[in-house]
Amino acid sequence: MIVIGSDHGGFALKEEIKKHLEERGLAYTDVGCHDTNSVDYPDIAKEACEKIVRGECDKGLLFCGTGVGISIAANKVKGIRACCCSDAFSAKYTRLHNDANVLCMGGRIVSAGLAEMIVDLFLDTEFEGGRHQRRIDKITAIENEQ
């Protein structure tokens, strides 16, 4: 299960990605927003990421105007490794090397076609493990010190 969410700046792109997920036959839950009225992205990020931490969802797709704000908010939730990507290479390697569990994108930055490619790479790429696991463990240790 994938959790998906956006603020008003990412709403249109989120709606395009929902169609793409449906075409792929992938299940998702949408935590909002549900129109272009102004909302605060930290609220959406928190709700989405808590679903991942609780084990209700495996990965998240979050959208705001740039992808940056919502990724910062998502990364405040313990257990979340959110990345802001606007290119295919970053999306692939954030999964391979960083085991990211949330992908963030900017609705004002990334076109729908490119976003679909980025989402596919993010969802279809497995974590490589090996030497990268040591680094993920160090990130978790830093998180646990807080």
Protein backbone atom coordinates (compact mmCIF):
# COMPACT_ATOMS: atom_id res chain seq x y z
CA MET A 1 0.00 0.00 0.00
CA ILE A 2 1.23 3.46 -0.91
CA VAL A 3 0.23 6.62 0.93
CA ILE A 4 -0.10 9.73 -1.20
CA GLY A 5 -0.62 13.35 -0.17
CA SER A 6 -0.11 16.94 -1.16
CA ASP A 7 -0.69 20.53 -0.28
CA HIS A 8 -2.46 22.87 -2.70
CA GLY A 9 0.76 23.48 -4.68
CA GLY A 10 1.16 19.78 -5.39
CA PHE A 11 -2.52 18.90 -5.77
CA ALA A 12 -2.65 18.74 -9.58
CA LEU A 13 0.46 16.56 -9.80
CA LYS A 14 -0.85 14.28 -7.05
CA GLU A 15 -4.05 13.77 -9.03
CA GLU A 16 -2.04 12.85 -12.14
CA ILE A 17 0.04 10.37 -10.15
CA LYS A 18 -3.11 8.80 -8.68
CA LYS A 19 -4.29 8.05 -12.23
CA HIS A 20 -0.89 6.57 -13.02
CA LEU A 21 -0.97 4.34 -9.92
CA GLU A 22 -4.46 3.16 -10.90
CA GLU A 23 -3.24 2.34 -14.42
CA ARG A 24 -0.47 0.23 -12.85
CA GLY A 25 -2.95 -1.47 -10.54
CA LEU A 26 -1.22 -0.19 -7.42
CA ALA A 27 -3.21 0.38 -4.23
CA TYR A 28 -2.93 3.73 -2.48
CA THR A 29 -4.57 5.80 0.20
CA ASP A 30 -4.91 9.56 -0.25
CA VAL A 31 -4.52 11.67 2.91
CA GLY A 32 -5.31 14.93 1.11
CA CYS A 33 -5.55 17.62 0.20
CA HIS A 34 -8.63 17.17 -1.96
CA ASP A 35 -8.76 20.50 -3.80
CA THR A 36 -6.66 23.61 -4.45
CA ASN A 37 -7.64 25.42 -1.25
CA SER A 38 -4.61 26.40 0.81
CA VAL A 39 -3.43 23.82 3.37
CA ASP A 40 -0.25 23.44 5.41
CA TYR A 41 2.08 20.77 4.02
CA PRO A 42 3.49 19.75 7.45
CA ASP A 43 0.04 18.43 8.42
CA ILE A 44 -0.18 16.29 5.27
CA ALA A 45 3.41 15.04 5.63
CA LYS A 46 2.86 14.04 9.26
CA GLU A 47 -0.34 12.13 8.56
CA ALA A 48 1.16 10.29 5.59
CA CYS A 49 4.42 9.42 7.31
CA GLU A 50 2.71 8.16 10.43
CA LYS A 51 0.92 5.60 8.24
CA ILE A 52 4.31 4.33 7.09
CA VAL A 53 5.77 4.21 10.59
CA ARG A 54 2.71 2.31 11.87
CA GLY A 55 3.12 -0.21 9.03
CA GLU A 56 -0.16 0.68 7.31
CA CYS A 57 1.71 1.70 4.15
CA ASP A 58 5.07 0.70 2.70
CA LYS A 59 6.04 3.87 0.85
CA GLY A 60 4.82 7.42 0.44
CA LEU A 61 4.50 9.90 -2.41
CA LEU A 62 4.20 13.53 -1.29
CA PHE A 63 3.82 16.70 -3.32
CA CYS A 64 4.01 20.42 -2.63
CA GLY A 65 4.99 23.36 -4.83
CA THR A 66 8.70 22.52 -4.90
CA GLY A 67 8.83 19.20 -3.04
CA VAL A 68 11.31 20.71 -0.61
CA GLY A 69 9.01 21.87 2.19
CA ILE A 70 7.05 18.65 2.38
CA SER A 71 10.29 16.61 2.35
CA ILE A 72 11.67 18.63 5.26
CA ALA A 73 8.45 18.04 7.21
CA ALA A 74 8.40 14.32 6.33
CA ASN A 75 11.96 13.86 7.54
CA LYS A 76 10.97 15.10 11.00
CA VAL A 77 8.96 11.89 11.52
CA LYS A 78 11.13 9.22 13.14
CA GLY A 79 11.69 6.32 10.75
CA ILE A 80 11.17 8.33 7.59
CA ARG A 81 13.82 8.81 4.93
CA ALA A 82 12.22 11.24 2.51
CA CYS A 83 13.88 12.48 -0.64
CA CYS A 84 13.00 15.33 -2.94
CA CYS A 85 13.64 14.25 -6.54
CA SER A 86 13.13 15.95 -9.86
CA ASP A 87 15.19 13.56 -11.98
CA ALA A 88 15.28 9.83 -12.69
CA PHE A 89 18.86 9.22 -11.51
CA SER A 90 18.18 10.60 -8.02
CA ALA A 91 14.95 8.63 -7.72
CA LYS A 92 16.70 5.37 -8.58
CA TYR A 93 19.71 5.89 -6.34
CA THR A 94 17.79 7.17 -3.35
CA ARG A 95 16.18 3.73 -3.28
CA LEU A 96 19.32 1.74 -4.16
CA HIS A 97 21.62 3.47 -1.68
CA ASN A 98 19.44 5.32 0.84
CA ASP A 99 16.43 2.99 1.17
CA ALA A 100 14.21 6.09 1.05
CA ASN A 101 10.62 5.33 1.97
CA VAL A 102 9.05 8.63 0.87
CA LEU A 103 9.40 10.38 -2.48
CA CYS A 104 8.64 14.10 -2.61
CA MET A 105 8.19 16.15 -5.76
CA GLY A 106 7.25 19.68 -6.71
CA GLY A 107 4.05 20.24 -8.62
CA ARG A 108 5.49 23.51 -9.90
CA ILE A 109 8.80 21.87 -10.86
CA VAL A 110 8.15 18.43 -12.38
CA SER A 111 5.89 17.67 -15.36
CA ALA A 112 3.36 14.85 -15.10
CA GLY A 113 5.22 12.64 -17.59
CA LEU A 114 8.54 13.00 -15.82
CA ALA A 115 6.84 12.53 -12.45
CA GLU A 116 5.39 9.21 -13.63
CA MET A 117 8.87 8.02 -14.63
CA ILE A 118 10.33 9.14 -11.30
CA VAL A 119 7.54 7.43 -9.35
CA ASP A 120 8.03 4.19 -11.30
CA LEU A 121 11.77 4.17 -10.61
CA PHE A 122 11.19 4.92 -6.94
CA LEU A 123 8.56 2.22 -6.49
CA ASP A 124 10.27 -0.45 -8.60
CA THR A 125 13.86 -0.10 -7.34
CA GLU A 126 14.88 -2.28 -4.41
CA PHE A 127 17.37 -1.26 -1.73
CA GLU A 128 20.82 -2.65 -2.57
CA GLY A 129 21.84 -3.26 1.04
CA GLY A 130 25.45 -4.27 1.62
CA ARG A 131 27.72 -1.35 2.44
CA HIS A 132 24.72 0.98 2.22
CA GLN A 133 23.01 -0.72 5.18
CA ARG A 134 25.84 0.50 7.43
CA ARG A 135 25.04 4.06 6.39
CA ILE A 136 21.32 3.63 6.96
CA ASP A 137 22.12 2.26 10.43
CA LYS A 138 24.18 5.39 11.12
CA ILE A 139 21.30 7.62 10.02
CA THR A 140 18.99 5.68 12.35
CA ALA A 141 21.50 6.06 15.21
CA ILE A 142 21.55 9.85 14.70
CA GLU A 143 17.76 9.88 14.67
CA ASN A 144 17.66 7.87 17.91
CA GLU A 145 19.97 10.36 19.66
CA GLN A 146 17.39 13.11 19.32
